[in-house]
């Protein structure tokens, strides 16, 4: 089965606007709340250092700030990697069995996939 036929089997044509629900309604009907994944070391570093860099350099451009911070992170990498590991461990304790995949896989494709897999293998 080609990727196009798989894609078409996941997406019904023509689309009906009533098919689309708000993310909030889907979460209420679905398995539960959206769980954010734990921040990595660079995200923790950005969170702690962004304001100081903005004040030091007077830059408001996010891309420029990220570039400066990416050069500075090398000195403090180990500290923030340890902090990120702690955050990940806490996240794993609070959300056992959680997978980031659950937040992003389309519900429609999730339901269609097993039947298309059977067609592909037979």
PDB file of N, CA and C in Angstrom:
ATOM      1  N   UNK A   1       0.851  -1.174   0.000  1.00  0.00           N
ATOM      2  CA  UNK A   1       0.000   0.000   0.000  1.00  0.00           C
ATOM      3  C   UNK A   1       0.896   1.236   0.000  1.00  0.00           C
ATOM      4  N   UNK A   2       0.619   2.156  -0.858  1.00  0.00           N
ATOM      5  CA  UNK A   2       1.440   3.362  -0.942  1.00  0.00           C
ATOM      6  C   UNK A   2       1.079   4.323   0.181  1.00  0.00           C
ATOM      7  N   UNK A   3       1.961   5.288   0.410  1.00  0.00           N
ATOM      8  CA  UNK A   3       1.706   6.274   1.461  1.00  0.00           C
ATOM      9  C   UNK A   3       0.469   7.096   1.146  1.00  0.00           C
ATOM     10  N   UNK A   4       0.198   7.325  -0.142  1.00  0.00           N
ATOM     11  CA  UNK A   4      -0.959   8.140  -0.519  1.00  0.00           C
ATOM     12  C   UNK A   4      -2.264   7.417  -0.201  1.00  0.00           C
ATOM     13  N   UNK A   5      -2.334   6.128  -0.497  1.00  0.00           N
ATOM     14  CA  UNK A   5      -3.562   5.392  -0.197  1.00  0.00           C
ATOM     15  C   UNK A   5      -3.751   5.266   1.313  1.00  0.00           C
ATOM     16  N   UNK A   6      -2.646   5.123   2.065  1.00  0.00           N
ATOM     17  CA  UNK A   6      -2.750   5.106   3.525  1.00  0.00           C
ATOM     18  C   UNK A   6      -3.270   6.444   4.026  1.00  0.00           C
ATOM     19  N   UNK A   7      -2.711   7.538   3.499  1.00  0.00           N
ATOM     20  CA  UNK A   7      -3.128   8.874   3.925  1.00  0.00           C
ATOM     21  C   UNK A   7      -4.603   9.099   3.618  1.00  0.00           C
ATOM     22  N   UNK A   8      -5.037   8.691   2.428  1.00  0.00           N
ATOM     23  CA  UNK A   8      -6.438   8.868   2.057  1.00  0.00           C
ATOM     24  C   UNK A   8      -7.358   8.020   2.929  1.00  0.00           C
ATOM     25  N   UNK A   9      -6.876   6.849   3.359  1.00  0.00           N
ATOM     26  CA  UNK A   9      -7.712   6.024   4.226  1.00  0.00           C
ATOM     27  C   UNK A   9      -7.852   6.645   5.616  1.00  0.00           C
ATOM     28  N   UNK A  10      -6.870   7.449   6.010  1.00  0.00           N
ATOM     29  CA  UNK A  10      -6.933   8.124   7.310  1.00  0.00           C
ATOM     30  C   UNK A  10      -7.801   9.372   7.269  1.00  0.00           C
ATOM     31  N   UNK A  11      -7.908   9.985   6.128  1.00  0.00           N
ATOM     32  CA  UNK A  11      -8.608  11.264   6.016  1.00  0.00           C
ATOM     33  C   UNK A  11      -9.797  11.107   5.074  1.00  0.00           C
ATOM     34  N   UNK A  12     -10.961  11.277   5.625  1.00  0.00           N
ATOM     35  CA  UNK A  12     -12.173  11.099   4.838  1.00  0.00           C
ATOM     36  C   UNK A  12     -12.407  12.326   3.963  1.00  0.00           C
ATOM     37  N   UNK A  13     -12.753  12.095   2.731  1.00  0.00           N
ATOM     38  CA  UNK A  13     -13.055  13.183   1.799  1.00  0.00           C
ATOM     39  C   UNK A  13     -14.509  13.110   1.399  1.00  0.00           C
ATOM     40  N   UNK A  14     -15.252  14.154   1.196  1.00  0.00           N
ATOM     41  CA  UNK A  14     -14.874  15.521   1.570  1.00  0.00           C
ATOM     42  C   UNK A  14     -14.966  15.689   3.081  1.00  0.00           C
ATOM     43  N   UNK A  15     -14.160  16.594   3.601  1.00  0.00           N
ATOM     44  CA  UNK A  15     -14.175  16.825   5.037  1.00  0.00           C
ATOM     45  C   UNK A  15     -15.449  17.529   5.436  1.00  0.00           C
ATOM     46  N   UNK A  16     -15.971  17.130   6.523  1.00  0.00           N
ATOM     47  CA  UNK A  16     -17.180  17.720   7.071  1.00  0.00           C
ATOM     48  C   UNK A  16     -16.773  18.548   8.288  1.00  0.00           C
ATOM     49  N   UNK A  17     -17.106  19.855   8.327  1.00  0.00           N
ATOM     50  CA  UNK A  17     -16.686  20.690   9.459  1.00  0.00           C
ATOM     51  C   UNK A  17     -17.147  20.164  10.811  1.00  0.00           C
ATOM     52  N   UNK A  18     -18.248  19.422  10.841  1.00  0.00           N
ATOM     53  CA  UNK A  18     -18.715  18.892  12.123  1.00  0.00           C
ATOM     54  C   UNK A  18     -17.791  17.793  12.647  1.00  0.00           C
ATOM     55  N   UNK A  19     -16.916  17.248  11.779  1.00  0.00           N
ATOM     56  CA  UNK A  19     -15.948  16.240  12.210  1.00  0.00           C
ATOM     57  C   UNK A  19     -14.936  16.838  13.175  1.00  0.00           C
ATOM     58  N   UNK A  20     -14.609  18.107  12.962  1.00  0.00           N
ATOM     59  CA  UNK A  20     -13.549  18.742  13.718  1.00  0.00           C
ATOM     60  C   UNK A  20     -14.096  19.266  15.034  1.00  0.00           C
ATOM     61  N   UNK A  21     -13.451  18.890  16.086  1.00  0.00           N
ATOM     62  CA  UNK A  21     -13.838  19.348  17.410  1.00  0.00           C
ATOM     63  C   UNK A  21     -12.665  20.115  17.998  1.00  0.00           C
ATOM     64  N   UNK A  22     -12.953  20.945  18.963  1.00  0.00           N
ATOM     65  CA  UNK A  22     -11.873  21.668  19.616  1.00  0.00           C
ATOM     66  C   UNK A  22     -11.005  20.671  20.381  1.00  0.00           C
ATOM     67  N   UNK A  23      -9.744  21.039  20.578  1.00  0.00           N
ATOM     68  CA  UNK A  23      -8.831  20.159  21.309  1.00  0.00           C
ATOM     69  C   UNK A  23      -9.340  19.918  22.728  1.00  0.00           C
ATOM     70  N   UNK A  24      -9.929  20.973  23.323  1.00  0.00           N
ATOM     71  CA  UNK A  24     -10.434  20.835  24.682  1.00  0.00           C
ATOM     72  C   UNK A  24     -11.536  19.780  24.744  1.00  0.00           C
ATOM     73  N   UNK A  25     -12.461  19.815  23.786  1.00  0.00           N
ATOM     74  CA  UNK A  25     -13.559  18.854  23.783  1.00  0.00           C
ATOM     75  C   UNK A  25     -13.025  17.443  23.555  1.00  0.00           C
ATOM     76  N   UNK A  26     -12.047  17.298  22.661  1.00  0.00           N
ATOM     77  CA  UNK A  26     -11.468  15.975  22.413  1.00  0.00           C
ATOM     78  C   UNK A  26     -10.823  15.424  23.679  1.00  0.00           C
ATOM     79  N   UNK A  27     -10.113  16.295  24.422  1.00  0.00           N
ATOM     80  CA  UNK A  27      -9.478  15.859  25.656  1.00  0.00           C
ATOM     81  C   UNK A  27     -10.510  15.440  26.693  1.00  0.00           C
ATOM     82  N   UNK A  28     -11.618  16.206  26.764  1.00  0.00           N
ATOM     83  CA  UNK A  28     -12.659  15.870  27.735  1.00  0.00           C
ATOM     84  C   UNK A  28     -13.288  14.522  27.403  1.00  0.00           C
ATOM     85  N   UNK A  29     -13.484  14.247  26.115  1.00  0.00           N
ATOM     86  CA  UNK A  29     -14.083  12.986  25.699  1.00  0.00           C
ATOM     87  C   UNK A  29     -13.059  11.861  25.679  1.00  0.00           C
ATOM     88  N   UNK A  30     -11.803  12.228  25.501  1.00  0.00           N
ATOM     89  CA  UNK A  30     -10.747  11.232  25.324  1.00  0.00           C
ATOM     90  C   UNK A  30     -10.218  10.672  26.624  1.00  0.00           C
ATOM     91  N   UNK A  31      -8.933  10.423  26.619  1.00  0.00           N
ATOM     92  CA  UNK A  31      -8.309   9.703  27.715  1.00  0.00           C
ATOM     93  C   UNK A  31      -7.937  10.578  28.903  1.00  0.00           C
ATOM     94  N   UNK A  32      -7.944  11.873  28.758  1.00  0.00           N
ATOM     95  CA  UNK A  32      -7.584  12.721  29.886  1.00  0.00           C
ATOM     96  C   UNK A  32      -6.857  13.965  29.422  1.00  0.00           C
ATOM     97  N   UNK A  33      -6.236  14.653  30.357  1.00  0.00           N
ATOM     98  CA  UNK A  33      -5.605  15.929  30.026  1.00  0.00           C
ATOM     99  C   UNK A  33      -4.329  15.751  29.205  1.00  0.00           C
ATOM    100  N   UNK A  34      -3.977  16.807  28.507  1.00  0.00           N
ATOM    101  CA  UNK A  34      -2.742  16.859  27.738  1.00  0.00           C
ATOM    102  C   UNK A  34      -1.588  16.923  28.729  1.00  0.00           C
ATOM    103  N   UNK A  35      -0.608  16.075  28.567  1.00  0.00           N
ATOM    104  CA  UNK A  35       0.549  16.057  29.459  1.00  0.00           C
ATOM    105  C   UNK A  35       1.755  16.548  28.678  1.00  0.00           C
ATOM    106  N   UNK A  36       2.339  17.645  29.145  1.00  0.00           N
ATOM    107  CA  UNK A  36       3.519  18.180  28.481  1.00  0.00           C
ATOM    108  C   UNK A  36       4.721  17.296  28.776  1.00  0.00           C
ATOM    109  N   UNK A  37       5.610  17.201  27.812  1.00  0.00           N
ATOM    110  CA  UNK A  37       6.804  16.414  28.075  1.00  0.00           C
ATOM    111  C   UNK A  37       7.774  17.239  28.918  1.00  0.00           C
ATOM    112  N   UNK A  38       8.643  16.596  29.663  1.00  0.00           N
ATOM    113  CA  UNK A  38       9.549  17.330  30.545  1.00  0.00           C
ATOM    114  C   UNK A  38      10.561  18.131  29.736  1.00  0.00           C
ATOM    115  N   UNK A  39      10.991  19.287  30.258  1.00  0.00           N
ATOM    116  CA  UNK A  39      11.938  20.121  29.517  1.00  0.00           C
ATOM    117  C   UNK A  39      13.320  19.477  29.463  1.00  0.00           C
ATOM    118  N   UNK A  40      14.006  19.709  28.346  1.00  0.00           N
ATOM    119  CA  UNK A  40      15.379  19.214  28.243  1.00  0.00           C
ATOM    120  C   UNK A  40      16.336  20.239  28.857  1.00  0.00           C
ATOM    121  N   UNK A  41      17.619  19.935  28.861  1.00  0.00           N
ATOM    122  CA  UNK A  41      18.610  20.785  29.514  1.00  0.00           C
ATOM    123  C   UNK A  41      18.647  22.183  28.901  1.00  0.00           C
ATOM    124  N   UNK A  42      18.573  22.278  27.587  1.00  0.00           N
ATOM    125  CA  UNK A  42      18.639  23.591  26.943  1.00  0.00           C
ATOM    126  C   UNK A  42      17.412  24.427  27.277  1.00  0.00           C
ATOM    127  N   UNK A  43      16.240  23.813  27.341  1.00  0.00           N
ATOM    128  CA  UNK A  43      15.021  24.559  27.689  1.00  0.00           C
ATOM    129  C   UNK A  43      15.108  25.095  29.120  1.00  0.00           C
ATOM    130  N   UNK A  44      15.642  24.305  30.033  1.00  0.00           N
ATOM    131  CA  UNK A  44      15.824  24.778  31.406  1.00  0.00           C
ATOM    132  C   UNK A  44      16.819  25.931  31.452  1.00  0.00           C
ATOM    133  N   UNK A  45      17.884  25.825  30.655  1.00  0.00           N
ATOM    134  CA  UNK A  45      18.874  26.900  30.582  1.00  0.00           C
ATOM    135  C   UNK A  45      18.247  28.167  30.016  1.00  0.00           C
ATOM    136  N   UNK A  46      17.449  28.037  28.947  1.00  0.00           N
ATOM    137  CA  UNK A  46      16.768  29.200  28.368  1.00  0.00           C
ATOM    138  C   UNK A  46      15.877  29.879  29.397  1.00  0.00           C
ATOM    139  N   UNK A  47      15.142  29.078  30.132  1.00  0.00           N
ATOM    140  CA  UNK A  47      14.208  29.616  31.118  1.00  0.00           C
ATOM    141  C   UNK A  47      14.940  30.423  32.191  1.00  0.00           C
ATOM    142  N   UNK A  48      16.094  29.940  32.605  1.00  0.00           N
ATOM    143  CA  UNK A  48      16.814  30.615  33.684  1.00  0.00           C
ATOM    144  C   UNK A  48      17.632  31.818  33.209  1.00  0.00           C
ATOM    145  N   UNK A  49      18.115  31.803  31.971  1.00  0.00           N
ATOM    146  CA  UNK A  49      19.054  32.832  31.516  1.00  0.00           C
ATOM    147  C   UNK A  49      18.489  33.849  30.529  1.00  0.00           C
ATOM    148  N   UNK A  50      17.315  33.622  29.975  1.00  0.00           N
ATOM    149  CA  UNK A  50      16.781  34.494  28.923  1.00  0.00           C
ATOM    150  C   UNK A  50      16.663  35.948  29.373  1.00  0.00           C
ATOM    151  N   UNK A  51      16.101  36.189  30.544  1.00  0.00           N
ATOM    152  CA  UNK A  51      15.888  37.569  30.998  1.00  0.00           C
ATOM    153  C   UNK A  51      17.204  38.294  31.225  1.00  0.00           C
ATOM    154  N   UNK A  52      18.208  37.600  31.752  1.00  0.00           N
ATOM    155  CA  UNK A  52      19.491  38.259  31.994  1.00  0.00           C
ATOM    156  C   UNK A  52      20.156  38.656  30.685  1.00  0.00           C
ATOM    157  N   UNK A  53      20.054  37.813  29.670  1.00  0.00           N
ATOM    158  CA  UNK A  53      20.642  38.137  28.361  1.00  0.00           C
ATOM    159  C   UNK A  53      19.894  39.298  27.719  1.00  0.00           C
ATOM    160  N   UNK A  54      18.569  39.313  27.850  1.00  0.00           N
ATOM    161  CA  UNK A  54      17.790  40.425  27.304  1.00  0.00           C
ATOM    162  C   UNK A  54      18.212  41.738  27.948  1.00  0.00           C
ATOM    163  N   UNK A  55      18.405  41.740  29.262  1.00  0.00           N
ATOM    164  CA  UNK A  55      18.798  42.957  29.962  1.00  0.00           C
ATOM    165  C   UNK A  55      20.238  43.349  29.650  1.00  0.00           C
ATOM    166  N   UNK A  56      21.141  42.374  29.571  1.00  0.00           N
ATOM    167  CA  UNK A  56      22.553  42.646  29.278  1.00  0.00           C
ATOM    168  C   UNK A  56      22.734  43.285  27.910  1.00  0.00           C
ATOM    169  N   UNK A  57      22.162  42.650  26.898  1.00  0.00           N
ATOM    170  CA  UNK A  57      22.402  43.061  25.519  1.00  0.00           C
ATOM    171  C   UNK A  57      21.328  43.987  24.967  1.00  0.00           C
ATOM    172  N   UNK A  58      20.209  44.089  25.631  1.00  0.00           N
ATOM    173  CA  UNK A  58      19.124  44.938  25.143  1.00  0.00           C
ATOM    174  C   UNK A  58      18.489  44.411  23.867  1.00  0.00           C
ATOM    175  N   UNK A  59      18.539  43.103  23.682  1.00  0.00           N
ATOM    176  CA  UNK A  59      17.983  42.474  22.479  1.00  0.00           C
ATOM    177  C   UNK A  59      16.584  41.965  22.799  1.00  0.00           C
ATOM    178  N   UNK A  60      15.637  42.199  21.897  1.00  0.00           N
ATOM    179  CA  UNK A  60      14.287  41.670  22.064  1.00  0.00           C
ATOM    180  C   UNK A  60      14.013  40.531  21.077  1.00  0.00           C
ATOM    181  N   UNK A  61      14.875  40.374  20.089  1.00  0.00           N
ATOM    182  CA  UNK A  61      14.703  39.351  19.062  1.00  0.00           C
ATOM    183  C   UNK A  61      15.008  37.967  19.643  1.00  0.00           C
ATOM    184  N   UNK A  62      14.026  37.094  19.605  1.00  0.00           N
ATOM    185  CA  UNK A  62      14.158  35.769  20.202  1.00  0.00           C
ATOM    186  C   UNK A  62      15.261  34.941  19.538  1.00  0.00           C
ATOM    187  N   UNK A  63      15.386  35.030  18.223  1.00  0.00           N
ATOM    188  CA  UNK A  63      16.404  34.243  17.513  1.00  0.00           C
ATOM    189  C   UNK A  63      17.808  34.669  17.929  1.00  0.00           C
ATOM    190  N   UNK A  64      18.022  35.964  18.074  1.00  0.00           N
ATOM    191  CA  UNK A  64      19.336  36.463  18.482  1.00  0.00           C
ATOM    192  C   UNK A  64      19.655  36.035  19.914  1.00  0.00           C
ATOM    193  N   UNK A  65      18.661  36.081  20.773  1.00  0.00           N
ATOM    194  CA  UNK A  65      18.856  35.658  22.164  1.00  0.00           C
ATOM    195  C   UNK A  65      19.193  34.173  22.215  1.00  0.00           C
ATOM    196  N   UNK A  66      18.478  33.364  21.451  1.00  0.00           N
ATOM    197  CA  UNK A  66      18.749  31.922  21.426  1.00  0.00           C
ATOM    198  C   UNK A  66      20.153  31.629  20.923  1.00  0.00           C
ATOM    199  N   UNK A  67      20.628  32.407  19.966  1.00  0.00           N
ATOM    200  CA  UNK A  67      21.979  32.205  19.433  1.00  0.00           C
ATOM    201  C   UNK A  67      23.027  32.494  20.505  1.00  0.00           C
ATOM    202  N   UNK A  68      22.851  33.602  21.225  1.00  0.00           N
ATOM    203  CA  UNK A  68      23.784  33.952  22.298  1.00  0.00           C
ATOM    204  C   UNK A  68      23.745  32.887  23.393  1.00  0.00           C
ATOM    205  N   UNK A  69      22.551  32.464  23.750  1.00  0.00           N
ATOM    206  CA  UNK A  69      22.410  31.457  24.804  1.00  0.00           C
ATOM    207  C   UNK A  69      22.987  30.105  24.390  1.00  0.00           C
ATOM    208  N   UNK A  70      22.877  29.762  23.112  1.00  0.00           N
ATOM    209  CA  UNK A  70      23.433  28.481  22.659  1.00  0.00           C
ATOM    210  C   UNK A  70      24.955  28.472  22.766  1.00  0.00           C
ATOM    211  N   UNK A  71      25.571  29.652  22.644  1.00  0.00           N
ATOM    212  CA  UNK A  71      27.024  29.737  22.817  1.00  0.00           C
ATOM    213  C   UNK A  71      27.406  29.661  24.295  1.00  0.00           C
ATOM    214  N   UNK A  72      26.564  30.194  25.163  1.00  0.00           N
ATOM    215  CA  UNK A  72      26.848  30.213  26.598  1.00  0.00           C
ATOM    216  C   UNK A  72      26.541  28.891  27.295  1.00  0.00           C
ATOM    217  N   UNK A  73      25.683  28.088  26.732  1.00  0.00           N
ATOM    218  CA  UNK A  73      25.239  26.869  27.411  1.00  0.00           C
ATOM    219  C   UNK A  73      26.372  25.856  27.580  1.00  0.00           C
ATOM    220  N   UNK A  74      27.393  25.924  26.768  1.00  0.00           N
ATOM    221  CA  UNK A  74      28.480  24.944  26.833  1.00  0.00           C
ATOM    222  C   UNK A  74      29.138  24.909  28.213  1.00  0.00           C
ATOM    223  N   UNK A  75      29.240  26.088  28.861  1.00  0.00           N
ATOM    224  CA  UNK A  75      29.904  26.155  30.165  1.00  0.00           C
ATOM    225  C   UNK A  75      29.086  25.503  31.275  1.00  0.00           C
ATOM    226  N   UNK A  76      27.759  25.524  31.157  1.00  0.00           N
ATOM    227  CA  UNK A  76      26.891  25.039  32.228  1.00  0.00           C
ATOM    228  C   UNK A  76      26.112  23.793  31.826  1.00  0.00           C
ATOM    229  N   UNK A  77      26.555  23.112  30.805  1.00  0.00           N
ATOM    230  CA  UNK A  77      25.819  21.978  30.252  1.00  0.00           C
ATOM    231  C   UNK A  77      25.560  20.876  31.289  1.00  0.00           C
ATOM    232  N   UNK A  78      26.575  20.482  32.024  1.00  0.00           N
ATOM    233  CA  UNK A  78      26.434  19.362  32.964  1.00  0.00           C
ATOM    234  C   UNK A  78      25.426  19.667  34.066  1.00  0.00           C
ATOM    235  N   UNK A  79      25.443  20.900  34.569  1.00  0.00           N
ATOM    236  CA  UNK A  79      24.510  21.297  35.620  1.00  0.00           C
ATOM    237  C   UNK A  79      23.067  21.178  35.142  1.00  0.00           C
ATOM    238  N   UNK A  80      22.796  21.680  33.953  1.00  0.00           N
ATOM    239  CA  UNK A  80      21.428  21.662  33.440  1.00  0.00           C
ATOM    240  C   UNK A  80      21.014  20.276  32.951  1.00  0.00           C
ATOM    241  N   UNK A  81      21.965  19.459  32.524  1.00  0.00           N
ATOM    242  CA  UNK A  81      21.621  18.082  32.162  1.00  0.00           C
ATOM    243  C   UNK A  81      21.193  17.296  33.397  1.00  0.00           C
ATOM    244  N   UNK A  82      21.863  17.539  34.506  1.00  0.00           N
ATOM    245  CA  UNK A  82      21.474  16.877  35.756  1.00  0.00           C
ATOM    246  C   UNK A  82      20.086  17.340  36.189  1.00  0.00           C
ATOM    247  N   UNK A  83      19.824  18.639  36.064  1.00  0.00           N
ATOM    248  CA  UNK A  83      18.511  19.179  36.426  1.00  0.00           C
ATOM    249  C   UNK A  83      17.420  18.624  35.507  1.00  0.00           C
ATOM    250  N   UNK A  84      17.731  18.495  34.219  1.00  0.00           N
ATOM    251  CA  UNK A  84      16.761  17.940  33.266  1.00  0.00           C
ATOM    252  C   UNK A  84      16.468  16.476  33.578  1.00  0.00           C
ATOM    253  N   UNK A  85      17.478  15.732  34.001  1.00  0.00           N
ATOM    254  CA  UNK A  85      17.266  14.327  34.364  1.00  0.00           C
ATOM    255  C   UNK A  85      16.360  14.216  35.587  1.00  0.00           C
ATOM    256  N   UNK A  86      16.549  15.122  36.543  1.00  0.00           N
ATOM    257  CA  UNK A  86      15.682  15.140  37.731  1.00  0.00           C
ATOM    258  C   UNK A  86      14.244  15.439  37.321  1.00  0.00           C
ATOM    259  N   UNK A  87      14.063  16.435  36.435  1.00  0.00           N
ATOM    260  CA  UNK A  87      12.721  16.781  35.942  1.00  0.00           C
ATOM    261  C   UNK A  87      12.083  15.586  35.223  1.00  0.00           C
ATOM    262  N   UNK A  88      12.877  14.883  34.423  1.00  0.00           N
ATOM    263  CA  UNK A  88      12.357  13.722  33.693  1.00  0.00           C
ATOM    264  C   UNK A  88      11.948  12.608  34.655  1.00  0.00           C
ATOM    265  N   UNK A  89      12.733  12.406  35.708  1.00  0.00           N
ATOM    266  CA  UNK A  89      12.401  11.376  36.699  1.00  0.00           C
ATOM    267  C   UNK A  89      11.117  11.727  37.447  1.00  0.00           C
ATOM    268  N   UNK A  90      10.964  12.995  37.821  1.00  0.00           N
ATOM    269  CA  UNK A  90       9.742  13.444  38.498  1.00  0.00           C
ATOM    270  C   UNK A  90       8.542  13.266  37.577  1.00  0.00           C
ATOM    271  N   UNK A  91       8.730  13.615  36.304  1.00  0.00           N
ATOM    272  CA  UNK A  91       7.653  13.470  35.314  1.00  0.00           C
ATOM    273  C   UNK A  91       7.252  12.002  35.173  1.00  0.00           C
ATOM    274  N   UNK A  92       8.240  11.119  35.156  1.00  0.00           N
ATOM    275  CA  UNK A  92       7.957   9.682  35.029  1.00  0.00           C
ATOM    276  C   UNK A  92       7.201   9.152  36.249  1.00  0.00           C
ATOM    277  N   UNK A  93       7.515   9.675  37.428  1.00  0.00           N
ATOM    278  CA  UNK A  93       6.799   9.252  38.635  1.00  0.00           C
ATOM    279  C   UNK A  93       5.361   9.767  38.643  1.00  0.00           C
ATOM    280  N   UNK A  94       5.173  11.003  38.190  1.00  0.00           N
ATOM    281  CA  UNK A  94       3.834  11.602  38.175  1.00  0.00           C
ATOM    282  C   UNK A  94       2.954  11.052  37.061  1.00  0.00           C
ATOM    283  N   UNK A  95       3.564  10.575  35.975  1.00  0.00           N
ATOM    284  CA  UNK A  95       2.813  10.098  34.812  1.00  0.00           C
ATOM    285  C   UNK A  95       3.326   8.730  34.373  1.00  0.00           C
ATOM    286  N   UNK A  96       3.068   7.683  35.144  1.00  0.00           N
ATOM    287  CA  UNK A  96       3.585   6.358  34.764  1.00  0.00           C
ATOM    288  C   UNK A  96       2.948   5.870  33.463  1.00  0.00           C
ATOM    289  N   UNK A  97       3.768   5.300  32.613  1.00  0.00           N
ATOM    290  CA  UNK A  97       3.275   4.770  31.343  1.00  0.00           C
ATOM    291  C   UNK A  97       3.001   5.831  30.296  1.00  0.00           C
ATOM    292  N   UNK A  98       3.353   7.088  30.571  1.00  0.00           N
ATOM    293  CA  UNK A  98       3.087   8.180  29.633  1.00  0.00           C
ATOM    294  C   UNK A  98       4.020   8.085  28.434  1.00  0.00           C
ATOM    295  N   UNK A  99       3.475   8.403  27.276  1.00  0.00           N
ATOM    296  CA  UNK A  99       4.266   8.457  26.058  1.00  0.00           C
ATOM    297  C   UNK A  99       3.918   9.737  25.321  1.00  0.00           C
ATOM    298  N   UNK A 100       4.910  10.407  24.789  1.00  0.00           N
ATOM    299  CA  UNK A 100       4.685  11.636  24.036  1.00  0.00           C
ATOM    300  C   UNK A 100       3.839  11.364  22.799  1.00  0.00           C
ATOM    301  N   UNK A 101       3.883  10.155  22.315  1.00  0.00           N
ATOM    302  CA  UNK A 101       3.140   9.756  21.124  1.00  0.00           C
ATOM    303  C   UNK A 101       1.636   9.957  21.301  1.00  0.00           C
ATOM    304  N   UNK A 102       1.150   9.769  22.514  1.00  0.00           N
ATOM    305  CA  UNK A 102      -0.287   9.887  22.781  1.00  0.00           C
ATOM    306  C   UNK A 102      -0.812  11.294  22.517  1.00  0.00           C
ATOM    307  N   UNK A 103       0.044  12.304  22.632  1.00  0.00           N
ATOM    308  CA  UNK A 103      -0.391  13.681  22.418  1.00  0.00           C
ATOM    309  C   UNK A 103      -0.520  14.037  20.946  1.00  0.00           C
ATOM    310  N   UNK A 104       0.172  13.346  20.061  1.00  0.00           N
ATOM    311  CA  UNK A 104       0.273  13.804  18.686  1.00  0.00           C
ATOM    312  C   UNK A 104      -0.321  12.891  17.626  1.00  0.00           C
ATOM    313  N   UNK A 105      -0.567  11.642  17.913  1.00  0.00           N
ATOM    314  CA  UNK A 105      -1.089  10.726  16.908  1.00  0.00           C
ATOM    315  C   UNK A 105      -2.554  11.043  16.662  1.00  0.00           C
ATOM    316  N   UNK A 106      -2.926  11.161  15.412  1.00  0.00           N
ATOM    317  CA  UNK A 106      -4.308  11.447  15.053  1.00  0.00           C
ATOM    318  C   UNK A 106      -5.213  10.300  15.483  1.00  0.00           C
ATOM    319  N   UNK A 107      -6.331  10.631  16.124  1.00  0.00           N
ATOM    320  CA  UNK A 107      -7.259   9.591  16.570  1.00  0.00           C
ATOM    321  C   UNK A 107      -7.819   8.817  15.391  1.00  0.00           C
ATOM    322  N   UNK A 108      -8.086   9.510  14.288  1.00  0.00           N
ATOM    323  CA  UNK A 108      -8.642   8.861  13.110  1.00  0.00           C
ATOM    324  C   UNK A 108      -7.650   7.851  12.548  1.00  0.00           C
ATOM    325  N   UNK A 109      -6.390   8.238  12.421  1.00  0.00           N
ATOM    326  CA  UNK A 109      -5.380   7.323  11.891  1.00  0.00           C
ATOM    327  C   UNK A 109      -5.104   6.189  12.867  1.00  0.00           C
ATOM    328  N   UNK A 110      -5.214   6.459  14.152  1.00  0.00           N
ATOM    329  CA  UNK A 110      -4.994   5.411  15.138  1.00  0.00           C
ATOM    330  C   UNK A 110      -6.026   4.302  14.967  1.00  0.00           C
ATOM    331  N   UNK A 111      -7.265   4.686  14.634  1.00  0.00           N
ATOM    332  CA  UNK A 111      -8.313   3.691  14.451  1.00  0.00           C
ATOM    333  C   UNK A 111      -8.170   2.956  13.123  1.00  0.00           C
ATOM    334  N   UNK A 112      -7.646   3.618  12.112  1.00  0.00           N
ATOM    335  CA  UNK A 112      -7.551   3.030  10.781  1.00  0.00           C
ATOM    336  C   UNK A 112      -6.310   2.163  10.650  1.00  0.00           C
ATOM    337  N   UNK A 113      -5.242   2.502  11.361  1.00  0.00           N
ATOM    338  CA  UNK A 113      -3.958   1.859  11.158  1.00  0.00           C
ATOM    339  C   UNK A 113      -3.985   0.341  11.268  1.00  0.00           C
ATOM    340  N   UNK A 114      -4.595  -0.261  12.295  1.00  0.00           N
ATOM    341  CA  UNK A 114      -4.552  -1.734  12.374  1.00  0.00           C
ATOM    342  C   UNK A 114      -5.167  -2.420  11.158  1.00  0.00           C
ATOM    343  N   UNK A 115      -6.264  -1.878  10.624  1.00  0.00           N
ATOM    344  CA  UNK A 115      -6.884  -2.520   9.468  1.00  0.00           C
ATOM    345  C   UNK A 115      -6.007  -2.363   8.227  1.00  0.00           C
ATOM    346  N   UNK A 116      -5.353  -1.203   8.071  1.00  0.00           N
ATOM    347  CA  UNK A 116      -4.477  -1.030   6.911  1.00  0.00           C
ATOM    348  C   UNK A 116      -3.236  -1.898   7.043  1.00  0.00           C
ATOM    349  N   UNK A 117      -2.791  -2.118   8.278  1.00  0.00           N
ATOM    350  CA  UNK A 117      -1.639  -2.984   8.493  1.00  0.00           C
ATOM    351  C   UNK A 117      -1.971  -4.410   8.075  1.00  0.00           C
ATOM    352  N   UNK A 118      -3.179  -4.864   8.378  1.00  0.00           N
ATOM    353  CA  UNK A 118      -3.594  -6.209   7.985  1.00  0.00           C
ATOM    354  C   UNK A 118      -3.643  -6.340   6.468  1.00  0.00           C
ATOM    355  N   UNK A 119      -4.109  -5.282   5.788  1.00  0.00           N
ATOM    356  CA  UNK A 119      -4.182  -5.301   4.325  1.00  0.00           C
ATOM    357  C   UNK A 119      -2.783  -5.365   3.735  1.00  0.00           C
ATOM    358  N   UNK A 120      -1.851  -4.601   4.338  1.00  0.00           N
ATOM    359  CA  UNK A 120      -0.486  -4.564   3.821  1.00  0.00           C
ATOM    360  C   UNK A 120       0.215  -5.908   3.998  1.00  0.00           C
ATOM    361  N   UNK A 121      -0.049  -6.602   5.101  1.00  0.00           N
ATOM    362  CA  UNK A 121       0.652  -7.856   5.364  1.00  0.00           C
ATOM    363  C   UNK A 121       0.035  -9.043   4.647  1.00  0.00           C
ATOM    364  N   UNK A 122      -1.230  -8.945   4.260  1.00  0.00           N
ATOM    365  CA  UNK A 122      -1.868 -10.096   3.606  1.00  0.00           C
ATOM    366  C   UNK A 122      -1.747 -10.033   2.102  1.00  0.00           C
TER     367      UNK A 122
END
